[in-house]
Amino acid sequence: MDWNRVEGNWKQFKGNVKEQWGKLTDDDLDVIAGKRDQLEGKIQERYGIAKDRARQDVDDWYGRQSWN
């Protein structure tokens, strides 16, 4: 499974993302539009964390998703 599935089904994943990162606004989610680098950047911005930490947090979230 690669990130393309998240991009292709972004409307379905937006709720999960908002649940995980509540500081992200609906406008943020619209701008992100499933793009991983945009998601990491917004998480970094809203939570004031380092780029590597944001990447790890996204990896962790991605790994917890049920794809079946």
PDB file of N, CA and C in Angstrom:
ATOM      1  N   MET A   1       0.845  -1.177   0.000  1.00  0.00           N
ATOM      2  CA  MET A   1       0.000   0.000   0.000  1.00  0.00           C
ATOM      3  C   MET A   1       0.889   1.238   0.000  1.00  0.00           C
ATOM      4  N   ASP A   2       0.575   2.145  -0.866  1.00  0.00           N
ATOM      5  CA  ASP A   2       1.342   3.379  -0.877  1.00  0.00           C
ATOM      6  C   ASP A   2       0.422   4.576  -0.641  1.00  0.00           C
ATOM      7  N   TRP A   3       1.025   5.719  -0.511  1.00  0.00           N
ATOM      8  CA  TRP A   3       0.290   6.928  -0.141  1.00  0.00           C
ATOM      9  C   TRP A   3      -0.750   7.317  -1.181  1.00  0.00           C
ATOM     10  N   ASN A   4      -0.651   6.821  -2.397  1.00  0.00           N
ATOM     11  CA  ASN A   4      -1.625   7.161  -3.440  1.00  0.00           C
ATOM     12  C   ASN A   4      -3.053   6.834  -3.022  1.00  0.00           C
ATOM     13  N   ARG A   5      -3.206   5.809  -2.222  1.00  0.00           N
ATOM     14  CA  ARG A   5      -4.553   5.454  -1.770  1.00  0.00           C
ATOM     15  C   ARG A   5      -5.132   6.542  -0.868  1.00  0.00           C
ATOM     16  N   VAL A   6      -4.292   7.121  -0.042  1.00  0.00           N
ATOM     17  CA  VAL A   6      -4.742   8.223   0.816  1.00  0.00           C
ATOM     18  C   VAL A   6      -5.154   9.405  -0.058  1.00  0.00           C
ATOM     19  N   GLU A   7      -4.305   9.748  -1.024  1.00  0.00           N
ATOM     20  CA  GLU A   7      -4.628  10.865  -1.920  1.00  0.00           C
ATOM     21  C   GLU A   7      -5.933  10.614  -2.659  1.00  0.00           C
ATOM     22  N   GLY A   8      -6.092   9.407  -3.179  1.00  0.00           N
ATOM     23  CA  GLY A   8      -7.272   9.088  -3.972  1.00  0.00           C
ATOM     24  C   GLY A   8      -8.563   9.039  -3.169  1.00  0.00           C
ATOM     25  N   ASN A   9      -8.439   8.814  -1.880  1.00  0.00           N
ATOM     26  CA  ASN A   9      -9.620   8.711  -1.015  1.00  0.00           C
ATOM     27  C   ASN A   9      -9.577   9.752   0.094  1.00  0.00           C
ATOM     28  N   TRP A  10      -9.041  10.917  -0.212  1.00  0.00           N
ATOM     29  CA  TRP A  10      -8.813  11.942   0.798  1.00  0.00           C
ATOM     30  C   TRP A  10     -10.078  12.301   1.563  1.00  0.00           C
ATOM     31  N   LYS A  11     -11.200  12.392   0.887  1.00  0.00           N
ATOM     32  CA  LYS A  11     -12.442  12.768   1.581  1.00  0.00           C
ATOM     33  C   LYS A  11     -12.758  11.780   2.699  1.00  0.00           C
ATOM     34  N   GLN A  12     -12.450  10.512   2.472  1.00  0.00           N
ATOM     35  CA  GLN A  12     -12.698   9.498   3.490  1.00  0.00           C
ATOM     36  C   GLN A  12     -11.694   9.598   4.639  1.00  0.00           C
ATOM     37  N   PHE A  13     -10.472   9.990   4.329  1.00  0.00           N
ATOM     38  CA  PHE A  13      -9.428  10.038   5.342  1.00  0.00           C
ATOM     39  C   PHE A  13      -9.412  11.327   6.142  1.00  0.00           C
ATOM     40  N   LYS A  14     -10.054  12.362   5.637  1.00  0.00           N
ATOM     41  CA  LYS A  14     -10.022  13.659   6.322  1.00  0.00           C
ATOM     42  C   LYS A  14     -10.499  13.551   7.767  1.00  0.00           C
ATOM     43  N   GLY A  15     -11.519  12.782   8.010  1.00  0.00           N
ATOM     44  CA  GLY A  15     -12.026  12.614   9.377  1.00  0.00           C
ATOM     45  C   GLY A  15     -11.002  11.979  10.289  1.00  0.00           C
ATOM     46  N   ASN A  16     -10.317  10.959   9.786  1.00  0.00           N
ATOM     47  CA  ASN A  16      -9.277  10.299  10.575  1.00  0.00           C
ATOM     48  C   ASN A  16      -8.131  11.259  10.876  1.00  0.00           C
ATOM     49  N   VAL A  17      -7.768  12.051   9.884  1.00  0.00           N
ATOM     50  CA  VAL A  17      -6.682  13.014  10.057  1.00  0.00           C
ATOM     51  C   VAL A  17      -7.087  14.075  11.084  1.00  0.00           C
ATOM     52  N   LYS A  18      -8.303  14.558  10.973  1.00  0.00           N
ATOM     53  CA  LYS A  18      -8.794  15.587  11.912  1.00  0.00           C
ATOM     54  C   LYS A  18      -8.865  15.022  13.334  1.00  0.00           C
ATOM     55  N   GLU A  19      -9.228  13.753  13.450  1.00  0.00           N
ATOM     56  CA  GLU A  19      -9.286  13.097  14.753  1.00  0.00           C
ATOM     57  C   GLU A  19      -7.886  13.017  15.373  1.00  0.00           C
ATOM     58  N   GLN A  20      -6.902  12.703  14.558  1.00  0.00           N
ATOM     59  CA  GLN A  20      -5.521  12.572  15.015  1.00  0.00           C
ATOM     60  C   GLN A  20      -4.884  13.929  15.317  1.00  0.00           C
ATOM     61  N   TRP A  21      -5.128  14.898  14.427  1.00  0.00           N
ATOM     62  CA  TRP A  21      -4.503  16.223  14.542  1.00  0.00           C
ATOM     63  C   TRP A  21      -5.598  17.278  14.570  1.00  0.00           C
ATOM     64  N   GLY A  22      -6.212  17.447  15.709  1.00  0.00           N
ATOM     65  CA  GLY A  22      -7.361  18.333  15.870  1.00  0.00           C
ATOM     66  C   GLY A  22      -7.081  19.807  15.620  1.00  0.00           C
ATOM     67  N   LYS A  23      -5.807  20.195  15.654  1.00  0.00           N
ATOM     68  CA  LYS A  23      -5.485  21.601  15.406  1.00  0.00           C
ATOM     69  C   LYS A  23      -5.550  21.949  13.919  1.00  0.00           C
ATOM     70  N   LEU A  24      -5.638  20.948  13.061  1.00  0.00           N
ATOM     71  CA  LEU A  24      -5.762  21.215  11.628  1.00  0.00           C
ATOM     72  C   LEU A  24      -7.200  21.642  11.332  1.00  0.00           C
ATOM     73  N   THR A  25      -7.343  22.706  10.591  1.00  0.00           N
ATOM     74  CA  THR A  25      -8.673  23.222  10.256  1.00  0.00           C
ATOM     75  C   THR A  25      -9.212  22.525   9.000  1.00  0.00           C
ATOM     76  N   ASP A  26     -10.493  22.715   8.759  1.00  0.00           N
ATOM     77  CA  ASP A  26     -11.081  22.177   7.529  1.00  0.00           C
ATOM     78  C   ASP A  26     -10.405  22.800   6.304  1.00  0.00           C
ATOM     79  N   ASP A  27     -10.077  24.084   6.396  1.00  0.00           N
ATOM     80  CA  ASP A  27      -9.365  24.733   5.297  1.00  0.00           C
ATOM     81  C   ASP A  27      -7.988  24.102   5.086  1.00  0.00           C
ATOM     82  N   ASP A  28      -7.299  23.800   6.180  1.00  0.00           N
ATOM     83  CA  ASP A  28      -6.004  23.116   6.069  1.00  0.00           C
ATOM     84  C   ASP A  28      -6.172  21.804   5.317  1.00  0.00           C
ATOM     85  N   LEU A  29      -7.184  21.047   5.701  1.00  0.00           N
ATOM     86  CA  LEU A  29      -7.409  19.737   5.085  1.00  0.00           C
ATOM     87  C   LEU A  29      -7.743  19.863   3.605  1.00  0.00           C
ATOM     88  N   ASP A  30      -8.463  20.916   3.252  1.00  0.00           N
ATOM     89  CA  ASP A  30      -8.775  21.152   1.840  1.00  0.00           C
ATOM     90  C   ASP A  30      -7.517  21.479   1.054  1.00  0.00           C
ATOM     91  N   VAL A  31      -6.641  22.287   1.631  1.00  0.00           N
ATOM     92  CA  VAL A  31      -5.391  22.648   0.969  1.00  0.00           C
ATOM     93  C   VAL A  31      -4.471  21.435   0.850  1.00  0.00           C
ATOM     94  N   ILE A  32      -4.416  20.625   1.896  1.00  0.00           N
ATOM     95  CA  ILE A  32      -3.557  19.430   1.909  1.00  0.00           C
ATOM     96  C   ILE A  32      -3.957  18.477   0.795  1.00  0.00           C
ATOM     97  N   ALA A  33      -5.255  18.272   0.630  1.00  0.00           N
ATOM     98  CA  ALA A  33      -5.816  17.459  -0.459  1.00  0.00           C
ATOM     99  C   ALA A  33      -5.118  16.113  -0.631  1.00  0.00           C
ATOM    100  N   GLY A  34      -4.707  15.516   0.489  1.00  0.00           N
ATOM    101  CA  GLY A  34      -4.111  14.186   0.434  1.00  0.00           C
ATOM    102  C   GLY A  34      -2.625  14.159   0.168  1.00  0.00           C
ATOM    103  N   LYS A  35      -2.016  15.295  -0.007  1.00  0.00           N
ATOM    104  CA  LYS A  35      -0.579  15.354  -0.296  1.00  0.00           C
ATOM    105  C   LYS A  35       0.201  15.197   1.010  1.00  0.00           C
ATOM    106  N   ARG A  36       1.028  14.173   1.062  1.00  0.00           N
ATOM    107  CA  ARG A  36       1.755  13.871   2.289  1.00  0.00           C
ATOM    108  C   ARG A  36       2.660  15.020   2.728  1.00  0.00           C
ATOM    109  N   ASP A  37       3.390  15.610   1.810  1.00  0.00           N
ATOM    110  CA  ASP A  37       4.302  16.690   2.196  1.00  0.00           C
ATOM    111  C   ASP A  37       3.534  17.889   2.747  1.00  0.00           C
ATOM    112  N   GLN A  38       2.353  18.157   2.193  1.00  0.00           N
ATOM    113  CA  GLN A  38       1.511  19.243   2.698  1.00  0.00           C
ATOM    114  C   GLN A  38       1.012  18.924   4.107  1.00  0.00           C
ATOM    115  N   LEU A  39       0.617  17.670   4.323  1.00  0.00           N
ATOM    116  CA  LEU A  39       0.146  17.241   5.639  1.00  0.00           C
ATOM    117  C   LEU A  39       1.250  17.401   6.672  1.00  0.00           C
ATOM    118  N   GLU A  40       2.438  16.903   6.342  1.00  0.00           N
ATOM    119  CA  GLU A  40       3.562  17.015   7.273  1.00  0.00           C
ATOM    120  C   GLU A  40       3.868  18.476   7.584  1.00  0.00           C
ATOM    121  N   GLY A  41       3.841  19.323   6.566  1.00  0.00           N
ATOM    122  CA  GLY A  41       4.120  20.740   6.764  1.00  0.00           C
ATOM    123  C   GLY A  41       3.113  21.421   7.662  1.00  0.00           C
ATOM    124  N   LYS A  42       1.834  21.113   7.464  1.00  0.00           N
ATOM    125  CA  LYS A  42       0.790  21.726   8.296  1.00  0.00           C
ATOM    126  C   LYS A  42       0.867  21.235   9.734  1.00  0.00           C
ATOM    127  N   ILE A  43       1.179  19.958   9.915  1.00  0.00           N
ATOM    128  CA  ILE A  43       1.339  19.423  11.273  1.00  0.00           C
ATOM    129  C   ILE A  43       2.507  20.132  11.954  1.00  0.00           C
ATOM    130  N   GLN A  44       3.584  20.265  11.228  1.00  0.00           N
ATOM    131  CA  GLN A  44       4.772  20.951  11.738  1.00  0.00           C
ATOM    132  C   GLN A  44       4.420  22.383  12.158  1.00  0.00           C
ATOM    133  N   GLU A  45       3.696  23.068  11.303  1.00  0.00           N
ATOM    134  CA  GLU A  45       3.307  24.457  11.561  1.00  0.00           C
ATOM    135  C   GLU A  45       2.363  24.587  12.752  1.00  0.00           C
ATOM    136  N   ARG A  46       1.303  23.790  12.766  1.00  0.00           N
ATOM    137  CA  ARG A  46       0.273  23.917  13.809  1.00  0.00           C
ATOM    138  C   ARG A  46       0.757  23.453  15.183  1.00  0.00           C
ATOM    139  N   TYR A  47       1.611  22.432  15.202  1.00  0.00           N
ATOM    140  CA  TYR A  47       2.044  21.859  16.469  1.00  0.00           C
ATOM    141  C   TYR A  47       3.438  22.307  16.888  1.00  0.00           C
ATOM    142  N   GLY A  48       4.126  23.054  16.034  1.00  0.00           N
ATOM    143  CA  GLY A  48       5.442  23.560  16.384  1.00  0.00           C
ATOM    144  C   GLY A  48       6.465  22.469  16.619  1.00  0.00           C
ATOM    145  N   ILE A  49       6.426  21.448  15.778  1.00  0.00           N
ATOM    146  CA  ILE A  49       7.362  20.332  15.931  1.00  0.00           C
ATOM    147  C   ILE A  49       8.312  20.298  14.738  1.00  0.00           C
ATOM    148  N   ALA A  50       9.380  19.537  14.895  1.00  0.00           N
ATOM    149  CA  ALA A  50      10.389  19.416  13.842  1.00  0.00           C
ATOM    150  C   ALA A  50       9.854  18.589  12.673  1.00  0.00           C
ATOM    151  N   LYS A  51      10.449  18.815  11.517  1.00  0.00           N
ATOM    152  CA  LYS A  51      10.045  18.104  10.300  1.00  0.00           C
ATOM    153  C   LYS A  51      10.137  16.584  10.470  1.00  0.00           C
ATOM    154  N   ASP A  52      11.225  16.115  11.077  1.00  0.00           N
ATOM    155  CA  ASP A  52      11.392  14.673  11.275  1.00  0.00           C
ATOM    156  C   ASP A  52      10.316  14.098  12.182  1.00  0.00           C
ATOM    157  N   ARG A  53       9.934  14.849  13.198  1.00  0.00           N
ATOM    158  CA  ARG A  53       8.885  14.395  14.113  1.00  0.00           C
ATOM    159  C   ARG A  53       7.542  14.331  13.387  1.00  0.00           C
ATOM    160  N   ALA A  54       7.250  15.339  12.572  1.00  0.00           N
ATOM    161  CA  ALA A  54       6.001  15.344  11.810  1.00  0.00           C
ATOM    162  C   ALA A  54       5.961  14.149  10.867  1.00  0.00           C
ATOM    163  N   ARG A  55       7.080  13.871  10.202  1.00  0.00           N
ATOM    164  CA  ARG A  55       7.155  12.723   9.294  1.00  0.00           C
ATOM    165  C   ARG A  55       6.906  11.421  10.052  1.00  0.00           C
ATOM    166  N   GLN A  56       7.513  11.282  11.229  1.00  0.00           N
ATOM    167  CA  GLN A  56       7.332  10.072  12.031  1.00  0.00           C
ATOM    168  C   GLN A  56       5.883   9.936  12.495  1.00  0.00           C
ATOM    169  N   ASP A  57       5.285  11.040  12.904  1.00  0.00           N
ATOM    170  CA  ASP A  57       3.885  11.007  13.336  1.00  0.00           C
ATOM    171  C   ASP A  57       2.969  10.561  12.196  1.00  0.00           C
ATOM    172  N   VAL A  58       3.227  11.052  10.998  1.00  0.00           N
ATOM    173  CA  VAL A  58       2.428  10.648   9.833  1.00  0.00           C
ATOM    174  C   VAL A  58       2.670   9.169   9.532  1.00  0.00           C
ATOM    175  N   ASP A  59       3.913   8.722   9.605  1.00  0.00           N
ATOM    176  CA  ASP A  59       4.212   7.296   9.406  1.00  0.00           C
ATOM    177  C   ASP A  59       3.444   6.433  10.403  1.00  0.00           C
ATOM    178  N   ASP A  60       3.451   6.859  11.662  1.00  0.00           N
ATOM    179  CA  ASP A  60       2.741   6.106  12.701  1.00  0.00           C
ATOM    180  C   ASP A  60       1.243   6.057  12.418  1.00  0.00           C
ATOM    181  N   TRP A  61       0.669   7.205  12.053  1.00  0.00           N
ATOM    182  CA  TRP A  61      -0.760   7.266  11.738  1.00  0.00           C
ATOM    183  C   TRP A  61      -1.085   6.359  10.543  1.00  0.00           C
ATOM    184  N   TYR A  62      -0.264   6.469   9.520  1.00  0.00           N
ATOM    185  CA  TYR A  62      -0.464   5.681   8.299  1.00  0.00           C
ATOM    186  C   TYR A  62      -0.429   4.183   8.611  1.00  0.00           C
ATOM    187  N   GLY A  63       0.504   3.786   9.462  1.00  0.00           N
ATOM    188  CA  GLY A  63       0.633   2.372   9.829  1.00  0.00           C
ATOM    189  C   GLY A  63      -0.546   1.841  10.621  1.00  0.00           C
ATOM    190  N   ARG A  64      -1.263   2.726  11.307  1.00  0.00           N
ATOM    191  CA  ARG A  64      -2.425   2.297  12.110  1.00  0.00           C
ATOM    192  C   ARG A  64      -3.712   2.213  11.300  1.00  0.00           C
ATOM    193  N   GLN A  65      -3.710   2.671  10.066  1.00  0.00           N
ATOM    194  CA  GLN A  65      -4.931   2.658   9.271  1.00  0.00           C
ATOM    195  C   GLN A  65      -5.262   1.216   8.859  1.00  0.00           C
ATOM    196  N   SER A  66      -6.538   0.911   8.864  1.00  0.00           N
ATOM    197  CA  SER A  66      -6.965  -0.427   8.432  1.00  0.00           C
ATOM    198  C   SER A  66      -7.285  -0.354   6.938  1.00  0.00           C
ATOM    199  N   TRP A  67      -6.542  -1.069   6.171  1.00  0.00           N
ATOM    200  CA  TRP A  67      -6.646  -1.008   4.713  1.00  0.00           C
ATOM    201  C   TRP A  67      -7.471  -2.155   4.143  1.00  0.00           C
ATOM    202  N   ASN A  68      -7.982  -2.992   4.986  1.00  0.00           N
ATOM    203  CA  ASN A  68      -8.715  -4.167   4.478  1.00  0.00           C
ATOM    204  C   ASN A  68     -10.200  -3.939   4.474  1.00  0.00           C
TER     205      ASN A  68
END
